[in-house]
Amino acid sequence: SVNFAEFFLTLTGAAAFAAVVGSTAWPL
């Protein structure tokens, strides 16, 4: 349950980070 919920948290966090941080993170 924790692992499956983690995907939705990760997806939300990644989308929010992408909107703020931009493309500078892609090499990492």
mmCIF file of all heavy atoms, coordinates in Angstrom:
data_MODEL
# 
_entry.id   MODEL 
# 
loop_
_atom_site.group_PDB 
_atom_site.id 
_atom_site.type_symbol 
_atom_site.label_atom_id 
_atom_site.label_alt_id 
_atom_site.label_comp_id 
_atom_site.label_asym_id 
_atom_site.label_entity_id 
_atom_site.label_seq_id 
_atom_site.pdbx_PDB_ins_code 
_atom_site.Cartn_x 
_atom_site.Cartn_y 
_atom_site.Cartn_z 
_atom_site.occupancy 
_atom_site.B_iso_or_equiv 
_atom_site.pdbx_formal_charge 
_atom_site.auth_seq_id 
_atom_site.auth_comp_id 
_atom_site.auth_asym_id 
_atom_site.auth_atom_id 
_atom_site.pdbx_PDB_model_num 
ATOM 1   N N   . SER A 1 1  ? 0.823  -1.211 0.000   1.00 0.00 ? 1  SER A N   1 
ATOM 2   C CA  . SER A 1 1  ? 0.000  0.000  0.000   1.00 0.00 ? 1  SER A CA  1 
ATOM 3   C C   . SER A 1 1  ? 0.855  1.258  0.000   1.00 0.00 ? 1  SER A C   1 
ATOM 4   O O   . SER A 1 1  ? 0.580  2.219  -0.725  1.00 0.00 ? 1  SER A O   1 
ATOM 5   C CB  . SER A 1 1  ? -0.935 0.004  1.219   1.00 0.00 ? 1  SER A CB  1 
ATOM 6   O OG  . SER A 1 1  ? -1.756 -1.144 1.232   1.00 0.00 ? 1  SER A OG  1 
ATOM 7   N N   . VAL A 1 2  ? 1.908  1.262  0.833   1.00 0.00 ? 2  VAL A N   1 
ATOM 8   C CA  . VAL A 1 2  ? 2.800  2.423  0.902   1.00 0.00 ? 2  VAL A CA  1 
ATOM 9   C C   . VAL A 1 2  ? 3.526  2.609  -0.425  1.00 0.00 ? 2  VAL A C   1 
ATOM 10  O O   . VAL A 1 2  ? 3.672  3.736  -0.915  1.00 0.00 ? 2  VAL A O   1 
ATOM 11  C CB  . VAL A 1 2  ? 3.801  2.255  2.057   1.00 0.00 ? 2  VAL A CB  1 
ATOM 12  C CG1 . VAL A 1 2  ? 4.861  3.365  2.010   1.00 0.00 ? 2  VAL A CG1 1 
ATOM 13  C CG2 . VAL A 1 2  ? 3.074  2.295  3.395   1.00 0.00 ? 2  VAL A CG2 1 
ATOM 14  N N   . ASN A 1 3  ? 3.976  1.529  -1.041  1.00 0.00 ? 3  ASN A N   1 
ATOM 15  C CA  . ASN A 1 3  ? 4.672  1.626  -2.327  1.00 0.00 ? 3  ASN A CA  1 
ATOM 16  C C   . ASN A 1 3  ? 3.759  2.137  -3.429  1.00 0.00 ? 3  ASN A C   1 
ATOM 17  O O   . ASN A 1 3  ? 4.166  2.951  -4.269  1.00 0.00 ? 3  ASN A O   1 
ATOM 18  C CB  . ASN A 1 3  ? 5.237  0.261  -2.726  1.00 0.00 ? 3  ASN A CB  1 
ATOM 19  C CG  . ASN A 1 3  ? 6.635  0.037  -2.188  1.00 0.00 ? 3  ASN A CG  1 
ATOM 20  O OD1 . ASN A 1 3  ? 7.433  0.947  -2.122  1.00 0.00 ? 3  ASN A OD1 1 
ATOM 21  N ND2 . ASN A 1 3  ? 6.928  -1.176 -1.783  1.00 0.00 ? 3  ASN A ND2 1 
ATOM 22  N N   . PHE A 1 4  ? 2.509  1.651  -3.462  1.00 0.00 ? 4  PHE A N   1 
ATOM 23  C CA  . PHE A 1 4  ? 1.592  2.086  -4.516  1.00 0.00 ? 4  PHE A CA  1 
ATOM 24  C C   . PHE A 1 4  ? 1.227  3.553  -4.328  1.00 0.00 ? 4  PHE A C   1 
ATOM 25  O O   . PHE A 1 4  ? 1.176  4.325  -5.295  1.00 0.00 ? 4  PHE A O   1 
ATOM 26  C CB  . PHE A 1 4  ? 0.338  1.217  -4.511  1.00 0.00 ? 4  PHE A CB  1 
ATOM 27  C CG  . PHE A 1 4  ? -0.465 1.298  -5.785  1.00 0.00 ? 4  PHE A CG  1 
ATOM 28  C CD1 . PHE A 1 4  ? 0.094  1.773  -6.957  1.00 0.00 ? 4  PHE A CD1 1 
ATOM 29  C CD2 . PHE A 1 4  ? -1.797 0.892  -5.808  1.00 0.00 ? 4  PHE A CD2 1 
ATOM 30  C CE1 . PHE A 1 4  ? -0.637 1.843  -8.133  1.00 0.00 ? 4  PHE A CE1 1 
ATOM 31  C CE2 . PHE A 1 4  ? -2.537 0.954  -6.975  1.00 0.00 ? 4  PHE A CE2 1 
ATOM 32  C CZ  . PHE A 1 4  ? -1.960 1.445  -8.136  1.00 0.00 ? 4  PHE A CZ  1 
ATOM 33  N N   . ALA A 1 5  ? 0.988  3.965  -3.074  1.00 0.00 ? 5  ALA A N   1 
ATOM 34  C CA  . ALA A 1 5  ? 0.687  5.371  -2.808  1.00 0.00 ? 5  ALA A CA  1 
ATOM 35  C C   . ALA A 1 5  ? 1.870  6.253  -3.178  1.00 0.00 ? 5  ALA A C   1 
ATOM 36  O O   . ALA A 1 5  ? 1.700  7.402  -3.612  1.00 0.00 ? 5  ALA A O   1 
ATOM 37  C CB  . ALA A 1 5  ? 0.313  5.551  -1.339  1.00 0.00 ? 5  ALA A CB  1 
ATOM 38  N N   . GLU A 1 6  ? 3.078  5.716  -3.030  1.00 0.00 ? 6  GLU A N   1 
ATOM 39  C CA  . GLU A 1 6  ? 4.279  6.497  -3.321  1.00 0.00 ? 6  GLU A CA  1 
ATOM 40  C C   . GLU A 1 6  ? 4.323  6.950  -4.775  1.00 0.00 ? 6  GLU A C   1 
ATOM 41  O O   . GLU A 1 6  ? 4.840  8.034  -5.078  1.00 0.00 ? 6  GLU A O   1 
ATOM 42  C CB  . GLU A 1 6  ? 5.535  5.684  -2.992  1.00 0.00 ? 6  GLU A CB  1 
ATOM 43  C CG  . GLU A 1 6  ? 6.820  6.478  -3.119  1.00 0.00 ? 6  GLU A CG  1 
ATOM 44  C CD  . GLU A 1 6  ? 8.054  5.658  -2.770  1.00 0.00 ? 6  GLU A CD  1 
ATOM 45  O OE1 . GLU A 1 6  ? 7.927  4.424  -2.639  1.00 0.00 ? 6  GLU A OE1 1 
ATOM 46  O OE2 . GLU A 1 6  ? 9.133  6.260  -2.630  1.00 0.00 ? 6  GLU A OE2 1 
ATOM 47  N N   . PHE A 1 7  ? 3.786  6.145  -5.693  1.00 0.00 ? 7  PHE A N   1 
ATOM 48  C CA  . PHE A 1 7  ? 3.784  6.565  -7.091  1.00 0.00 ? 7  PHE A CA  1 
ATOM 49  C C   . PHE A 1 7  ? 3.016  7.864  -7.275  1.00 0.00 ? 7  PHE A C   1 
ATOM 50  O O   . PHE A 1 7  ? 3.475  8.784  -7.969  1.00 0.00 ? 7  PHE A O   1 
ATOM 51  C CB  . PHE A 1 7  ? 3.172  5.485  -7.995  1.00 0.00 ? 7  PHE A CB  1 
ATOM 52  C CG  . PHE A 1 7  ? 2.822  6.015  -9.366  1.00 0.00 ? 7  PHE A CG  1 
ATOM 53  C CD1 . PHE A 1 7  ? 3.818  6.273  -10.291 1.00 0.00 ? 7  PHE A CD1 1 
ATOM 54  C CD2 . PHE A 1 7  ? 1.503  6.275  -9.713  1.00 0.00 ? 7  PHE A CD2 1 
ATOM 55  C CE1 . PHE A 1 7  ? 3.507  6.782  -11.549 1.00 0.00 ? 7  PHE A CE1 1 
ATOM 56  C CE2 . PHE A 1 7  ? 1.183  6.784  -10.960 1.00 0.00 ? 7  PHE A CE2 1 
ATOM 57  C CZ  . PHE A 1 7  ? 2.188  7.037  -11.882 1.00 0.00 ? 7  PHE A CZ  1 
ATOM 58  N N   . PHE A 1 8  ? 1.844  7.966  -6.667  1.00 0.00 ? 8  PHE A N   1 
ATOM 59  C CA  . PHE A 1 8  ? 1.020  9.160  -6.831  1.00 0.00 ? 8  PHE A CA  1 
ATOM 60  C C   . PHE A 1 8  ? 1.669  10.375 -6.172  1.00 0.00 ? 8  PHE A C   1 
ATOM 61  O O   . PHE A 1 8  ? 1.574  11.491 -6.677  1.00 0.00 ? 8  PHE A O   1 
ATOM 62  C CB  . PHE A 1 8  ? -0.372 8.898  -6.264  1.00 0.00 ? 8  PHE A CB  1 
ATOM 63  C CG  . PHE A 1 8  ? -1.132 7.852  -7.015  1.00 0.00 ? 8  PHE A CG  1 
ATOM 64  C CD1 . PHE A 1 8  ? -1.032 6.505  -6.665  1.00 0.00 ? 8  PHE A CD1 1 
ATOM 65  C CD2 . PHE A 1 8  ? -1.910 8.189  -8.105  1.00 0.00 ? 8  PHE A CD2 1 
ATOM 66  C CE1 . PHE A 1 8  ? -1.714 5.533  -7.369  1.00 0.00 ? 8  PHE A CE1 1 
ATOM 67  C CE2 . PHE A 1 8  ? -2.590 7.219  -8.825  1.00 0.00 ? 8  PHE A CE2 1 
ATOM 68  C CZ  . PHE A 1 8  ? -2.496 5.893  -8.461  1.00 0.00 ? 8  PHE A CZ  1 
ATOM 69  N N   . LEU A 1 9  ? 2.349  10.149 -5.051  1.00 0.00 ? 9  LEU A N   1 
ATOM 70  C CA  . LEU A 1 9  ? 3.099  11.236 -4.424  1.00 0.00 ? 9  LEU A CA  1 
ATOM 71  C C   . LEU A 1 9  ? 4.267  11.664 -5.311  1.00 0.00 ? 9  LEU A C   1 
ATOM 72  O O   . LEU A 1 9  ? 4.521  12.859 -5.490  1.00 0.00 ? 9  LEU A O   1 
ATOM 73  C CB  . LEU A 1 9  ? 3.642  10.786 -3.064  1.00 0.00 ? 9  LEU A CB  1 
ATOM 74  C CG  . LEU A 1 9  ? 2.741  10.974 -1.847  1.00 0.00 ? 9  LEU A CG  1 
ATOM 75  C CD1 . LEU A 1 9  ? 1.491  10.092 -1.933  1.00 0.00 ? 9  LEU A CD1 1 
ATOM 76  C CD2 . LEU A 1 9  ? 3.501  10.643 -0.560  1.00 0.00 ? 9  LEU A CD2 1 
ATOM 77  N N   . THR A 1 10 ? 4.966  10.672 -5.855  1.00 0.00 ? 10 THR A N   1 
ATOM 78  C CA  . THR A 1 10 ? 6.114  10.972 -6.718  1.00 0.00 ? 10 THR A CA  1 
ATOM 79  C C   . THR A 1 10 ? 5.673  11.702 -7.971  1.00 0.00 ? 10 THR A C   1 
ATOM 80  O O   . THR A 1 10 ? 6.321  12.662 -8.406  1.00 0.00 ? 10 THR A O   1 
ATOM 81  C CB  . THR A 1 10 ? 6.827  9.661  -7.106  1.00 0.00 ? 10 THR A CB  1 
ATOM 82  O OG1 . THR A 1 10 ? 7.263  8.994  -5.921  1.00 0.00 ? 10 THR A OG1 1 
ATOM 83  C CG2 . THR A 1 10 ? 8.036  9.943  -7.980  1.00 0.00 ? 10 THR A CG2 1 
ATOM 84  N N   . LEU A 1 11 ? 4.567  11.265 -8.569  1.00 0.00 ? 11 LEU A N   1 
ATOM 85  C CA  . LEU A 1 11 ? 4.045  11.909 -9.771  1.00 0.00 ? 11 LEU A CA  1 
ATOM 86  C C   . LEU A 1 11 ? 3.669  13.359 -9.477  1.00 0.00 ? 11 LEU A C   1 
ATOM 87  O O   . LEU A 1 11 ? 3.989  14.269 -10.250 1.00 0.00 ? 11 LEU A O   1 
ATOM 88  C CB  . LEU A 1 11 ? 2.827  11.135 -10.286 1.00 0.00 ? 11 LEU A CB  1 
ATOM 89  C CG  . LEU A 1 11 ? 2.197  11.649 -11.582 1.00 0.00 ? 11 LEU A CG  1 
ATOM 90  C CD1 . LEU A 1 11 ? 3.187  11.520 -12.733 1.00 0.00 ? 11 LEU A CD1 1 
ATOM 91  C CD2 . LEU A 1 11 ? 0.925  10.853 -11.897 1.00 0.00 ? 11 LEU A CD2 1 
ATOM 92  N N   . THR A 1 12 ? 2.987  13.580 -8.348  1.00 0.00 ? 12 THR A N   1 
ATOM 93  C CA  . THR A 1 12 ? 2.603  14.937 -7.956  1.00 0.00 ? 12 THR A CA  1 
ATOM 94  C C   . THR A 1 12 ? 3.834  15.797 -7.707  1.00 0.00 ? 12 THR A C   1 
ATOM 95  O O   . THR A 1 12 ? 3.922  16.936 -8.190  1.00 0.00 ? 12 THR A O   1 
ATOM 96  C CB  . THR A 1 12 ? 1.741  14.897 -6.679  1.00 0.00 ? 12 THR A CB  1 
ATOM 97  O OG1 . THR A 1 12 ? 0.579  14.110 -6.918  1.00 0.00 ? 12 THR A OG1 1 
ATOM 98  C CG2 . THR A 1 12 ? 1.325  16.297 -6.268  1.00 0.00 ? 12 THR A CG2 1 
ATOM 99  N N   . GLY A 1 13 ? 4.787  15.255 -6.942  1.00 0.00 ? 13 GLY A N   1 
ATOM 100 C CA  . GLY A 1 13 ? 5.990  16.008 -6.641  1.00 0.00 ? 13 GLY A CA  1 
ATOM 101 C C   . GLY A 1 13 ? 6.809  16.317 -7.890  1.00 0.00 ? 13 GLY A C   1 
ATOM 102 O O   . GLY A 1 13 ? 7.314  17.436 -8.054  1.00 0.00 ? 13 GLY A O   1 
ATOM 103 N N   . ALA A 1 14 ? 6.935  15.329 -8.785  1.00 0.00 ? 14 ALA A N   1 
ATOM 104 C CA  . ALA A 1 14 ? 7.716  15.531 -10.003 1.00 0.00 ? 14 ALA A CA  1 
ATOM 105 C C   . ALA A 1 14 ? 7.084  16.608 -10.880 1.00 0.00 ? 14 ALA A C   1 
ATOM 106 O O   . ALA A 1 14 ? 7.789  17.451 -11.451 1.00 0.00 ? 14 ALA A O   1 
ATOM 107 C CB  . ALA A 1 14 ? 7.827  14.214 -10.776 1.00 0.00 ? 14 ALA A CB  1 
ATOM 108 N N   . ALA A 1 15 ? 5.746  16.589 -10.994 1.00 0.00 ? 15 ALA A N   1 
ATOM 109 C CA  . ALA A 1 15 ? 5.058  17.606 -11.797 1.00 0.00 ? 15 ALA A CA  1 
ATOM 110 C C   . ALA A 1 15 ? 5.250  18.994 -11.199 1.00 0.00 ? 15 ALA A C   1 
ATOM 111 O O   . ALA A 1 15 ? 5.506  19.969 -11.921 1.00 0.00 ? 15 ALA A O   1 
ATOM 112 C CB  . ALA A 1 15 ? 3.570  17.270 -11.888 1.00 0.00 ? 15 ALA A CB  1 
ATOM 113 N N   . ALA A 1 16 ? 5.128  19.092 -9.878  1.00 0.00 ? 16 ALA A N   1 
ATOM 114 C CA  . ALA A 1 16 ? 5.315  20.386 -9.214  1.00 0.00 ? 16 ALA A CA  1 
ATOM 115 C C   . ALA A 1 16 ? 6.754  20.869 -9.361  1.00 0.00 ? 16 ALA A C   1 
ATOM 116 O O   . ALA A 1 16 ? 7.003  22.047 -9.642  1.00 0.00 ? 16 ALA A O   1 
ATOM 117 C CB  . ALA A 1 16 ? 4.939  20.272 -7.737  1.00 0.00 ? 16 ALA A CB  1 
ATOM 118 N N   . PHE A 1 17 ? 7.718  19.968 -9.189  1.00 0.00 ? 17 PHE A N   1 
ATOM 119 C CA  . PHE A 1 17 ? 9.126  20.340 -9.343  1.00 0.00 ? 17 PHE A CA  1 
ATOM 120 C C   . PHE A 1 17 ? 9.423  20.763 -10.782 1.00 0.00 ? 17 PHE A C   1 
ATOM 121 O O   . PHE A 1 17 ? 10.167 21.725 -11.014 1.00 0.00 ? 17 PHE A O   1 
ATOM 122 C CB  . PHE A 1 17 ? 10.035 19.183 -8.948  1.00 0.00 ? 17 PHE A CB  1 
ATOM 123 C CG  . PHE A 1 17 ? 10.316 19.092 -7.482  1.00 0.00 ? 17 PHE A CG  1 
ATOM 124 C CD1 . PHE A 1 17 ? 10.007 17.945 -6.765  1.00 0.00 ? 17 PHE A CD1 1 
ATOM 125 C CD2 . PHE A 1 17 ? 10.911 20.146 -6.807  1.00 0.00 ? 17 PHE A CD2 1 
ATOM 126 C CE1 . PHE A 1 17 ? 10.272 17.851 -5.406  1.00 0.00 ? 17 PHE A CE1 1 
ATOM 127 C CE2 . PHE A 1 17 ? 11.182 20.065 -5.447  1.00 0.00 ? 17 PHE A CE2 1 
ATOM 128 C CZ  . PHE A 1 17 ? 10.861 18.916 -4.747  1.00 0.00 ? 17 PHE A CZ  1 
ATOM 129 N N   . ALA A 1 18 ? 8.864  20.035 -11.760 1.00 0.00 ? 18 ALA A N   1 
ATOM 130 C CA  . ALA A 1 18 ? 9.107  20.356 -13.164 1.00 0.00 ? 18 ALA A CA  1 
ATOM 131 C C   . ALA A 1 18 ? 8.601  21.753 -13.496 1.00 0.00 ? 18 ALA A C   1 
ATOM 132 O O   . ALA A 1 18 ? 9.221  22.486 -14.276 1.00 0.00 ? 18 ALA A O   1 
ATOM 133 C CB  . ALA A 1 18 ? 8.437  19.321 -14.065 1.00 0.00 ? 18 ALA A CB  1 
ATOM 134 N N   . ALA A 1 19 ? 7.462  22.127 -12.896 1.00 0.00 ? 19 ALA A N   1 
ATOM 135 C CA  . ALA A 1 19 ? 6.903  23.452 -13.154 1.00 0.00 ? 19 ALA A CA  1 
ATOM 136 C C   . ALA A 1 19 ? 7.761  24.557 -12.563 1.00 0.00 ? 19 ALA A C   1 
ATOM 137 O O   . ALA A 1 19 ? 7.820  25.671 -13.104 1.00 0.00 ? 19 ALA A O   1 
ATOM 138 C CB  . ALA A 1 19 ? 5.486  23.531 -12.583 1.00 0.00 ? 19 ALA A CB  1 
ATOM 139 N N   . VAL A 1 20 ? 8.454  24.257 -11.470 1.00 0.00 ? 20 VAL A N   1 
ATOM 140 C CA  . VAL A 1 20 ? 9.234  25.285 -10.770 1.00 0.00 ? 20 VAL A CA  1 
ATOM 141 C C   . VAL A 1 20 ? 10.701 25.248 -11.165 1.00 0.00 ? 20 VAL A C   1 
ATOM 142 O O   . VAL A 1 20 ? 11.316 26.270 -11.483 1.00 0.00 ? 20 VAL A O   1 
ATOM 143 C CB  . VAL A 1 20 ? 9.101  25.126 -9.240  1.00 0.00 ? 20 VAL A CB  1 
ATOM 144 C CG1 . VAL A 1 20 ? 9.952  26.167 -8.521  1.00 0.00 ? 20 VAL A CG1 1 
ATOM 145 C CG2 . VAL A 1 20 ? 7.643  25.248 -8.813  1.00 0.00 ? 20 VAL A CG2 1 
ATOM 146 N N   . VAL A 1 21 ? 11.287 24.042 -11.151 1.00 0.00 ? 21 VAL A N   1 
ATOM 147 C CA  . VAL A 1 21 ? 12.718 23.895 -11.406 1.00 0.00 ? 21 VAL A CA  1 
ATOM 148 C C   . VAL A 1 21 ? 13.034 23.952 -12.890 1.00 0.00 ? 21 VAL A C   1 
ATOM 149 O O   . VAL A 1 21 ? 14.082 24.446 -13.300 1.00 0.00 ? 21 VAL A O   1 
ATOM 150 C CB  . VAL A 1 21 ? 13.237 22.574 -10.792 1.00 0.00 ? 21 VAL A CB  1 
ATOM 151 C CG1 . VAL A 1 21 ? 14.709 22.363 -11.116 1.00 0.00 ? 21 VAL A CG1 1 
ATOM 152 C CG2 . VAL A 1 21 ? 13.031 22.584 -9.287  1.00 0.00 ? 21 VAL A CG2 1 
ATOM 153 N N   . GLY A 1 22 ? 12.109 23.420 -13.718 1.00 0.00 ? 22 GLY A N   1 
ATOM 154 C CA  . GLY A 1 22 ? 12.317 23.432 -15.161 1.00 0.00 ? 22 GLY A CA  1 
ATOM 155 C C   . GLY A 1 22 ? 13.170 22.276 -15.640 1.00 0.00 ? 22 GLY A C   1 
ATOM 156 O O   . GLY A 1 22 ? 13.215 21.218 -15.015 1.00 0.00 ? 22 GLY A O   1 
ATOM 157 N N   . SER A 1 23 ? 13.876 22.474 -16.745 1.00 0.00 ? 23 SER A N   1 
ATOM 158 C CA  . SER A 1 23 ? 14.613 21.385 -17.402 1.00 0.00 ? 23 SER A CA  1 
ATOM 159 C C   . SER A 1 23 ? 16.028 21.203 -16.869 1.00 0.00 ? 23 SER A C   1 
ATOM 160 O O   . SER A 1 23 ? 16.751 20.330 -17.343 1.00 0.00 ? 23 SER A O   1 
ATOM 161 C CB  . SER A 1 23 ? 14.689 21.660 -18.915 1.00 0.00 ? 23 SER A CB  1 
ATOM 162 O OG  . SER A 1 23 ? 15.347 22.896 -19.165 1.00 0.00 ? 23 SER A OG  1 
ATOM 163 N N   . THR A 1 24 ? 16.437 22.013 -15.888 1.00 0.00 ? 24 THR A N   1 
ATOM 164 C CA  . THR A 1 24 ? 17.813 21.917 -15.401 1.00 0.00 ? 24 THR A CA  1 
ATOM 165 C C   . THR A 1 24 ? 18.103 20.586 -14.718 1.00 0.00 ? 24 THR A C   1 
ATOM 166 O O   . THR A 1 24 ? 19.262 20.217 -14.553 1.00 0.00 ? 24 THR A O   1 
ATOM 167 C CB  . THR A 1 24 ? 18.102 23.059 -14.406 1.00 0.00 ? 24 THR A CB  1 
ATOM 168 O OG1 . THR A 1 24 ? 17.129 22.997 -13.350 1.00 0.00 ? 24 THR A OG1 1 
ATOM 169 C CG2 . THR A 1 24 ? 18.019 24.413 -15.092 1.00 0.00 ? 24 THR A CG2 1 
ATOM 170 N N   . ALA A 1 25 ? 17.059 19.869 -14.297 1.00 0.00 ? 25 ALA A N   1 
ATOM 171 C CA  . ALA A 1 25 ? 17.269 18.628 -13.559 1.00 0.00 ? 25 ALA A CA  1 
ATOM 172 C C   . ALA A 1 25 ? 17.432 17.418 -14.468 1.00 0.00 ? 25 ALA A C   1 
ATOM 173 O O   . ALA A 1 25 ? 17.828 16.350 -13.981 1.00 0.00 ? 25 ALA A O   1 
ATOM 174 C CB  . ALA A 1 25 ? 16.103 18.389 -12.599 1.00 0.00 ? 25 ALA A CB  1 
ATOM 175 N N   . TRP A 1 26 ? 17.155 17.532 -15.755 1.00 0.00 ? 26 TRP A N   1 
ATOM 176 C CA  . TRP A 1 26 ? 17.100 16.347 -16.604 1.00 0.00 ? 26 TRP A CA  1 
ATOM 177 C C   . TRP A 1 26 ? 18.404 15.561 -16.688 1.00 0.00 ? 26 TRP A C   1 
ATOM 178 O O   . TRP A 1 26 ? 18.381 14.328 -16.682 1.00 0.00 ? 26 TRP A O   1 
ATOM 179 C CB  . TRP A 1 26 ? 16.596 16.704 -18.006 1.00 0.00 ? 26 TRP A CB  1 
ATOM 180 C CG  . TRP A 1 26 ? 15.133 16.983 -18.000 1.00 0.00 ? 26 TRP A CG  1 
ATOM 181 C CD1 . TRP A 1 26 ? 14.512 18.169 -18.258 1.00 0.00 ? 26 TRP A CD1 1 
ATOM 182 C CD2 . TRP A 1 26 ? 14.071 16.070 -17.672 1.00 0.00 ? 26 TRP A CD2 1 
ATOM 183 N NE1 . TRP A 1 26 ? 13.155 18.050 -18.103 1.00 0.00 ? 26 TRP A NE1 1 
ATOM 184 C CE2 . TRP A 1 26 ? 12.853 16.782 -17.753 1.00 0.00 ? 26 TRP A CE2 1 
ATOM 185 C CE3 . TRP A 1 26 ? 14.052 14.728 -17.314 1.00 0.00 ? 26 TRP A CE3 1 
ATOM 186 C CZ2 . TRP A 1 26 ? 11.628 16.178 -17.495 1.00 0.00 ? 26 TRP A CZ2 1 
ATOM 187 C CZ3 . TRP A 1 26 ? 12.829 14.125 -17.057 1.00 0.00 ? 26 TRP A CZ3 1 
ATOM 188 C CH2 . TRP A 1 26 ? 11.637 14.854 -17.151 1.00 0.00 ? 26 TRP A CH2 1 
ATOM 189 N N   . PRO A 1 27 ? 19.589 16.198 -16.766 1.00 0.00 ? 27 PRO A N   1 
ATOM 190 C CA  . PRO A 1 27 ? 20.817 15.385 -16.765 1.00 0.00 ? 27 PRO A CA  1 
ATOM 191 C C   . PRO A 1 27 ? 20.944 14.525 -15.513 1.00 0.00 ? 27 PRO A C   1 
ATOM 192 O O   . PRO A 1 27 ? 21.348 13.360 -15.592 1.00 0.00 ? 27 PRO A O   1 
ATOM 193 C CB  . PRO A 1 27 ? 21.928 16.446 -16.832 1.00 0.00 ? 27 PRO A CB  1 
ATOM 194 C CG  . PRO A 1 27 ? 21.290 17.607 -17.513 1.00 0.00 ? 27 PRO A CG  1 
ATOM 195 C CD  . PRO A 1 27 ? 19.878 17.624 -17.006 1.00 0.00 ? 27 PRO A CD  1 
ATOM 196 N N   . LEU A 1 28 ? 20.590 15.073 -14.351 1.00 0.00 ? 28 LEU A N   1 
ATOM 197 C CA  . LEU A 1 28 ? 20.631 14.296 -13.119 1.00 0.00 ? 28 LEU A CA  1 
ATOM 198 C C   . LEU A 1 28 ? 19.585 13.194 -13.136 1.00 0.00 ? 28 LEU A C   1 
ATOM 199 O O   . LEU A 1 28 ? 19.842 12.069 -12.699 1.00 0.00 ? 28 LEU A O   1 
ATOM 200 C CB  . LEU A 1 28 ? 20.407 15.209 -11.907 1.00 0.00 ? 28 LEU A CB  1 
ATOM 201 C CG  . LEU A 1 28 ? 21.498 16.238 -11.604 1.00 0.00 ? 28 LEU A CG  1 
ATOM 202 C CD1 . LEU A 1 28 ? 21.106 17.085 -10.396 1.00 0.00 ? 28 LEU A CD1 1 
ATOM 203 C CD2 . LEU A 1 28 ? 22.835 15.558 -11.361 1.00 0.00 ? 28 LEU A CD2 1 
# 
